[in-house]
Each structure stands twice: as structure tokens, then as C-alpha cells.
Protein backbone atom coordinates (compact mmCIF):
# COMPACT_ATOMS: atom_id res chain seq x y z
CA MET A 1 0.00 0.00 0.00
CA TYR A 2 1.24 3.47 -0.87
CA GLN A 3 2.51 5.50 2.08
CA LYS A 4 0.13 8.40 1.51
CA ILE A 5 -2.88 6.08 1.48
CA GLU A 6 -1.76 4.83 4.89
CA LYS A 7 -1.71 8.46 6.03
CA MET A 8 -5.26 8.84 4.66
CA ILE A 9 -6.32 5.89 6.82
CA ARG A 10 -4.97 7.68 9.89
CA ASP A 11 -6.78 10.86 8.85
CA LEU A 12 -10.05 8.91 8.56
CA GLU A 13 -9.53 7.18 11.90
CA LEU A 14 -8.89 10.56 13.52
CA ARG A 15 -12.34 11.63 12.27
CA GLY A 16 -14.02 8.53 13.67
CA ARG A 17 -14.95 6.98 10.32
CA SER A 18 -16.17 3.40 10.50
CA LYS A 19 -14.02 0.44 9.45
CA ASP A 20 -16.32 -0.23 6.50
CA THR A 21 -16.07 3.39 5.32
CA ILE A 22 -12.28 3.30 5.56
CA LYS A 23 -12.17 0.00 3.71
CA ASN A 24 -14.34 1.33 0.88
CA MET A 25 -12.38 4.56 0.55
CA VAL A 26 -9.05 2.72 0.48
CA CYS A 27 -10.48 0.42 -2.20
CA ALA A 28 -11.46 3.48 -4.28
CA MET A 29 -7.97 4.96 -3.91
CA ASN A 30 -6.28 1.69 -4.84
CA SER A 31 -8.43 1.43 -7.98
CA PHE A 32 -7.45 4.98 -8.93
CA SER A 33 -3.75 4.18 -8.41
CA ARG A 34 -3.94 0.92 -10.36
CA TYR A 35 -5.55 2.68 -13.31
CA TYR A 36 -2.40 4.80 -13.76
CA ASN A 37 -0.02 2.33 -12.08
CA GLN A 38 1.33 5.25 -10.07
CA ALA A 39 1.26 6.50 -6.49
CA PRO A 40 -1.80 8.78 -6.12
CA GLU A 41 0.26 11.69 -4.78
CA THR A 42 2.06 11.87 -8.15
CA LEU A 43 -1.24 12.44 -9.97
CA GLY A 44 -3.16 15.68 -10.30
CA GLU A 45 -6.35 17.34 -11.50
CA ILE A 46 -6.04 16.23 -15.14
CA GLU A 47 -5.68 12.58 -14.13
CA ILE A 48 -8.58 12.85 -11.68
CA ILE A 49 -10.90 14.24 -14.37
CA GLN A 50 -9.81 11.58 -16.87
CA TYR A 51 -10.39 8.82 -14.31
CA LEU A 52 -13.87 10.07 -13.39
CA ASN A 53 -14.74 10.23 -17.11
CA TYR A 54 -13.50 6.65 -17.42
CA CYS A 55 -15.76 5.60 -14.51
CA ILE A 56 -18.75 7.30 -16.13
CA ASN A 57 -18.31 6.42 -19.80
CA ASP A 58 -16.34 3.15 -19.82
CA ARG A 59 -17.20 1.44 -16.56
CA LYS A 60 -20.77 2.81 -16.66
CA LEU A 61 -20.84 3.25 -12.90
CA CYS A 62 -23.96 4.73 -11.35
CA ARG A 63 -23.99 8.35 -10.29
CA GLY A 64 -23.85 7.53 -6.60
CA THR A 65 -20.71 5.41 -7.04
CA VAL A 66 -19.00 8.07 -9.18
CA ASN A 67 -19.79 10.73 -6.61
CA TYR A 68 -18.43 8.47 -3.85
CA ILE A 69 -15.16 8.13 -5.78
CA ASN A 70 -15.15 11.90 -6.28
CA SER A 71 -15.57 12.50 -2.52
CA THR A 72 -12.85 9.96 -1.70
CA LEU A 73 -10.38 11.60 -4.06
CA LYS A 74 -11.27 15.03 -2.69
CA PHE A 75 -10.63 13.87 0.88
CA PHE A 76 -7.27 12.41 -0.12
CA TYR A 77 -6.05 15.49 -1.97
CA VAL A 78 -7.49 18.15 0.32
CA VAL A 79 -7.09 16.57 3.76
CA THR A 80 -4.23 14.11 3.39
CA LEU A 81 -2.11 15.96 0.81
CA GLU A 82 -3.32 19.47 1.78
CA ARG A 83 -3.78 20.47 -1.86
CA SER A 84 -6.39 22.70 -3.48
CA TRP A 85 -9.52 21.28 -5.15
CA SER A 86 -11.89 22.95 -7.61
CA ASP A 87 -15.52 21.82 -7.38
CA LEU A 88 -16.11 23.82 -10.56
CA ARG A 89 -13.59 21.81 -12.58
CA ILE A 90 -14.21 18.50 -10.77
CA PRO A 91 -17.97 18.62 -10.17
CA LYS A 92 -20.17 15.92 -8.71
CA LEU A 93 -22.90 14.45 -10.88
CA ARG A 94 -26.42 15.66 -10.29
CA TYR A 95 -28.83 13.03 -9.00
CA ASP A 96 -32.15 12.30 -10.63
CA LYS A 97 -34.79 12.80 -7.96
CA THR A 98 -36.35 9.36 -7.82
CA LEU A 99 -38.88 8.18 -5.27
CA PRO A 100 -38.06 5.23 -3.00
CA GLN A 101 -39.11 1.83 -4.28
CA TYR A 102 -41.16 -0.24 -1.83
CA LEU A 103 -43.18 -3.42 -1.63
CA THR A 104 -46.82 -3.51 -0.59
CA LYS A 105 -47.81 -5.30 2.61
CA GLU A 106 -49.19 -8.14 0.50
CA GLU A 107 -45.87 -8.46 -1.34
CA ILE A 108 -43.92 -8.43 1.94
CA LYS A 109 -46.17 -11.22 3.22
CA ARG A 110 -45.57 -13.26 0.05
CA LEU A 111 -41.84 -12.68 0.32
CA LEU A 112 -41.69 -13.96 3.90
CA GLU A 113 -44.04 -16.90 3.31
CA SER A 114 -42.10 -18.08 0.25
CA THR A 115 -38.72 -17.92 2.04
CA THR A 116 -38.18 -21.45 3.34
CA TYR A 117 -34.68 -21.07 4.80
CA LEU A 118 -35.32 -19.94 8.38
CA LYS A 119 -32.25 -17.75 8.78
CA HIS A 120 -33.07 -15.74 5.65
CA LYS A 121 -36.70 -15.40 6.68
CA VAL A 122 -35.67 -14.01 10.09
CA ILE A 123 -33.21 -11.57 8.51
CA PHE A 124 -35.84 -10.26 6.07
CA SER A 125 -38.41 -10.03 8.84
CA THR A 126 -36.01 -8.14 11.10
CA MET A 127 -35.03 -5.68 8.36
CA TYR A 128 -38.63 -4.97 7.41
CA SER A 129 -40.16 -4.88 10.90
CA ALA A 130 -37.44 -2.59 12.29
CA GLY A 131 -36.47 -0.56 9.21
CA LEU A 132 -32.85 -1.69 9.25
CA ARG A 133 -30.15 -1.13 6.66
CA VAL A 134 -28.31 -4.25 5.50
CA SER A 135 -25.15 -3.09 7.30
CA GLU A 136 -27.18 -2.74 10.49
CA VAL A 137 -28.79 -6.18 10.41
CA ILE A 138 -25.53 -8.04 9.77
CA ASN A 139 -23.90 -6.17 12.66
CA LEU A 140 -26.63 -6.93 15.20
CA ARG A 141 -25.36 -8.51 18.41
CA ILE A 142 -27.33 -10.96 20.51
CA SER A 143 -27.72 -8.38 23.28
CA ASP A 144 -29.18 -5.84 20.83
CA ILE A 145 -32.53 -7.68 20.93
CA ILE A 146 -34.09 -6.14 24.05
CA SER A 147 -37.29 -8.14 24.48
CA ALA A 148 -38.09 -6.69 27.92
CA GLU A 149 -38.59 -3.27 26.32
CA MET A 150 -39.59 -4.52 22.85
CA LYS A 151 -36.86 -2.61 21.06
CA ILE A 152 -33.74 -3.24 19.03
CA ARG A 153 -30.49 -1.43 19.64
CA VAL A 154 -28.80 -0.27 16.44
CA ARG A 155 -25.18 0.59 17.17
CA ASN A 156 -23.74 0.40 13.66
CA GLY A 157 -25.94 2.99 11.99
CA LYS A 158 -24.89 5.36 9.27
CA ARG A 159 -22.02 7.60 10.39
CA ASN A 160 -21.76 5.43 13.50
CA LYS A 161 -24.97 6.83 14.97
CA GLU A 162 -26.68 4.71 17.59
CA ARG A 163 -30.45 4.47 17.94
CA TYR A 164 -33.29 2.25 19.08
CA THR A 165 -36.03 0.95 16.82
CA LEU A 166 -39.05 -1.33 17.05
CA LEU A 167 -38.97 -4.97 18.05
CA SER A 168 -42.08 -6.51 16.54
CA GLN A 169 -43.85 -9.18 18.61
CA LYS A 170 -44.15 -11.43 15.55
CA ASN A 171 -40.50 -10.88 14.74
CA LEU A 172 -39.50 -11.68 18.33
CA GLU A 173 -41.35 -14.99 18.11
CA LEU A 174 -39.56 -15.75 14.84
CA LEU A 175 -36.20 -14.82 16.40
CA ARG A 176 -36.86 -17.28 19.23
CA VAL A 177 -37.57 -20.06 16.72
CA TYR A 178 -34.36 -19.11 14.91
CA TRP A 179 -32.31 -19.22 18.11
CA LYS A 180 -33.65 -22.66 19.03
CA LYS A 181 -32.33 -23.96 15.73
CA PHE A 182 -29.16 -21.92 15.20
CA GLY A 183 -28.25 -20.83 18.73
CA TYR A 184 -25.34 -22.32 20.66
CA LYS A 185 -24.17 -22.72 24.23
CA ASN A 186 -21.62 -20.52 25.98
CA TYR A 187 -22.34 -17.55 23.74
CA SER A 188 -21.33 -14.00 24.58
CA PRO A 189 -23.98 -11.23 24.52
CA ASP A 190 -21.69 -9.37 22.11
CA ASP A 191 -21.59 -12.25 19.59
CA TYR A 192 -23.15 -11.52 16.22
CA LEU A 193 -26.79 -12.58 15.97
CA PHE A 194 -26.51 -13.81 12.39
CA ILE A 195 -23.38 -15.75 11.42
CA SER A 196 -22.34 -17.81 8.42
CA ARG A 197 -22.46 -21.60 8.77
CA GLN A 198 -19.27 -21.90 6.71
CA THR A 199 -17.05 -19.15 8.14
CA LYS A 200 -18.64 -18.79 11.60
CA LYS A 201 -18.29 -15.06 11.08
CA LYS A 202 -20.94 -12.38 10.55
CA LEU A 203 -22.80 -12.40 7.24
CA THR A 204 -21.80 -10.16 4.34
CA SER A 205 -23.93 -7.49 2.70
CA ARG A 206 -23.55 -9.26 -0.63
CA GLY A 207 -24.83 -12.50 0.87
CA VAL A 208 -28.01 -10.81 2.11
CA GLN A 209 -28.41 -9.06 -1.25
CA SER A 210 -28.19 -12.39 -3.09
CA ALA A 211 -30.70 -13.98 -0.71
CA ILE A 212 -33.19 -11.14 -1.29
CA GLU A 213 -32.89 -11.46 -5.06
CA LYS A 214 -33.68 -15.18 -4.92
CA ALA A 215 -36.54 -14.68 -2.47
CA VAL A 216 -38.17 -11.98 -4.61
CA LYS A 217 -37.99 -14.26 -7.65
CA ASN A 218 -39.41 -17.23 -5.71
CA ALA A 219 -42.27 -15.07 -4.44
CA GLY A 220 -43.22 -14.13 -7.99
CA ILE A 221 -42.72 -10.42 -7.33
CA SER A 222 -42.04 -8.54 -10.55
CA LYS A 223 -40.56 -5.45 -8.90
CA LYS A 224 -36.81 -5.13 -8.53
CA ALA A 225 -36.06 -5.29 -4.81
CA THR A 226 -32.92 -4.97 -2.71
CA PRO A 227 -32.37 -5.19 1.06
CA HIS A 228 -32.94 -1.43 1.20
CA THR A 229 -36.39 -1.94 -0.35
CA LEU A 230 -37.46 -3.56 2.93
CA ARG A 231 -36.36 -0.43 4.79
CA HIS A 232 -38.29 1.79 2.37
CA SER A 233 -41.32 -0.46 2.82
CA PHE A 234 -41.12 -0.12 6.61
CA ALA A 235 -41.19 3.70 6.43
CA THR A 236 -43.89 3.80 3.74
CA HIS A 237 -46.20 1.45 5.63
CA LEU A 238 -45.74 3.40 8.88
CA MET A 239 -46.61 6.58 6.97
CA ASN A 240 -49.75 4.98 5.56
CA ASP A 241 -50.70 3.76 9.04
CA GLY A 242 -50.72 7.35 10.27
CA ILE A 243 -47.41 7.46 12.17
CA ASP A 244 -45.99 11.01 12.29
CA LEU A 245 -42.83 12.01 10.44
CA VAL A 246 -40.83 12.81 13.59
CA THR A 247 -41.34 9.29 14.94
CA ILE A 248 -40.45 7.72 11.58
CA GLN A 249 -37.34 9.91 11.39
CA ALA A 250 -36.19 8.66 14.80
CA LEU A 251 -36.86 5.00 13.96
CA MET A 252 -35.05 5.29 10.62
CA GLY A 253 -32.09 7.18 12.10
CA HIS A 254 -32.33 10.09 9.67
CA SER A 255 -30.38 13.21 10.61
CA ASN A 256 -32.46 15.45 8.39
CA MET A 257 -36.26 15.61 8.24
CA LYS A 258 -35.98 16.26 4.48
CA THR A 259 -34.75 12.70 4.04
CA THR A 260 -37.79 11.31 5.86
CA SER A 261 -40.27 13.62 4.11
CA ILE A 262 -39.64 11.91 0.77
CA TYR A 263 -42.01 9.17 1.97
CA LEU A 264 -44.84 11.69 1.78
CA HIS A 265 -44.58 11.33 -2.00
CA VAL A 266 -45.27 7.59 -1.95
CA ARG A 267 -48.10 7.76 0.56
CA ASP A 268 -51.28 5.83 -0.20
CA TYR A 269 -53.80 8.64 -0.53
CA LYS A 270 -56.72 6.22 -0.30
CA THR A 271 -55.96 5.88 3.41
CA LEU A 272 -56.52 9.62 3.85
CA ASN A 273 -59.89 9.57 2.15
CA ILE A 274 -58.87 12.56 0.02
CA LYS A 275 -60.86 13.35 -3.10
CA SER A 276 -59.54 14.97 -6.21
CA PRO A 277 -61.21 18.35 -6.89
CA LEU A 278 -62.57 16.82 -10.10
CA ASP A 279 -64.51 14.24 -8.09
CA THR A 280 -66.26 17.01 -6.15
CA PHE A 281 -67.99 18.35 -9.27
CA GLU A 282 -71.72 17.74 -9.39
């Protein structure tokens, strides 16, 4: 590893970035260095722009990924190397404002009922019933399931934020069935709740993603769904059930109310009994 990338790691650790964030940013820097086969500190603005164009036009990376690479490079050059950076000459891509994709309650029910492997069913149920990100569910510890207070402790949230969210009664019952089958003696409360049978380590995000894809196909659901779709579904269904935005924001772990308010746009207006002005004409 290049010396300056090691310095970037120390800069990130000093700012309290998570291990996963550091790993992803180092991966982005290594890809940038391999593209030119040079140490990143020997490269400049022209090479950065060329590389970002390569990511957009040749690799066909999505806008979010390109912007992540942009932010990583900016951190490296501005913070680690203490160089200047022009947002005008190295701009981020503008996002299309798309609404969150979600499954209906009926589709969620089909997804869970058609998932025969117990561990996967429990993971999907936990993500949906508590509104968890995939990184949050794979990092759950045994002690994070607080049945006495019917809540789940989320300590690996985005930007390392900790919060509590709902522990569904039905999900608790399913978790107990899961533990009877997959639990083990002499466990520590800080052991991961979901571990791989092969590696005996915590599950990977990609593993959960693959399981969701198979489950959606088996359930005959035509929509494209990812683990994050379950989180979107949780927030959308709470909104339709009349739960206020502030409560949903807290359960989701959003820092900004604007992030939560996007679910207003996917609300089921039939539940509000609102009529279009056209339907009021006599």
C-alpha cells in the first residue's frame, strides 16, 4: 500500500470513520492508483478528471458510485495531501430525484411466506419490521434484541450513529424459533446474531443481497427489490398507518427531516380519504 494512502487511513480514523467506510475509501484509492499504475500523490487534477470520465463512460458506474469516488479523491487530496480542489472543474454528478421503491404489505407477506430457509426469513423479517439497513442487520449482536422493552439497539448505523427501533412481537417470536435452531451454548452477549455456517463469522452485505434477489424471484414479485427496499417499505407502511414524520425519522435514524419527508410522496392517498377536486364536481 502506498505511504500516503496509509496516512489517509490515519486521517479517517482521527475523524471517527467506521471500518467499512475506511475499507471502501481505500479500495477506491487503490483502484485509482492501479488505473495509472502510479502513487496517487504523483497524480493531479487532469488525471482525476480523466479517471472520473472513465468511470462514467467506460465502466458505466452509477452516479452515486462516481460521486463516492469523487468524494474519496477530494478527501485524499485536500485533507491528506493538503492540496487545493476545484468543485467547478471536478464537479459531482447531479442526481435524478427518484422516489423510494417499496413493496406492498401483501408483497412483503408473500416474500416472507415463500422464504423457506429460516435464517433468511428471520433476517428479512427483522429488516422490514425494524427498518434496518443491511449493514445494520448483519452487525446486530445478541444483546441488541431487548425483548423486555420490545426494542432493538442499532449501534452500527450510518455515520456510527446509535439508535433504538421497534422490536415486533411477531419478529420476536420468529427470532426465538431461529435461536432454538441456530443458537449455541456458551455464547457471549456481544456475539453476532446472524453468522455464516461456513465461516462462523458475521454475514456479508452481498450474501443478504443475493438472498433477497432469490426470495423476490421465488415469491413471484415482478418489482426489482434490494435489502434497502425492505427499509423503504417499513417507512412507507408506517406513513400509511398514520405514524408522524418525527417518529419515523427517529426510527429510521435520519439526521435530516428532508430525508424522511420523501415518503410523503409515496403515501397511499386512499388511506386519507382525500378526493380529487374533479370528483367534487356535481
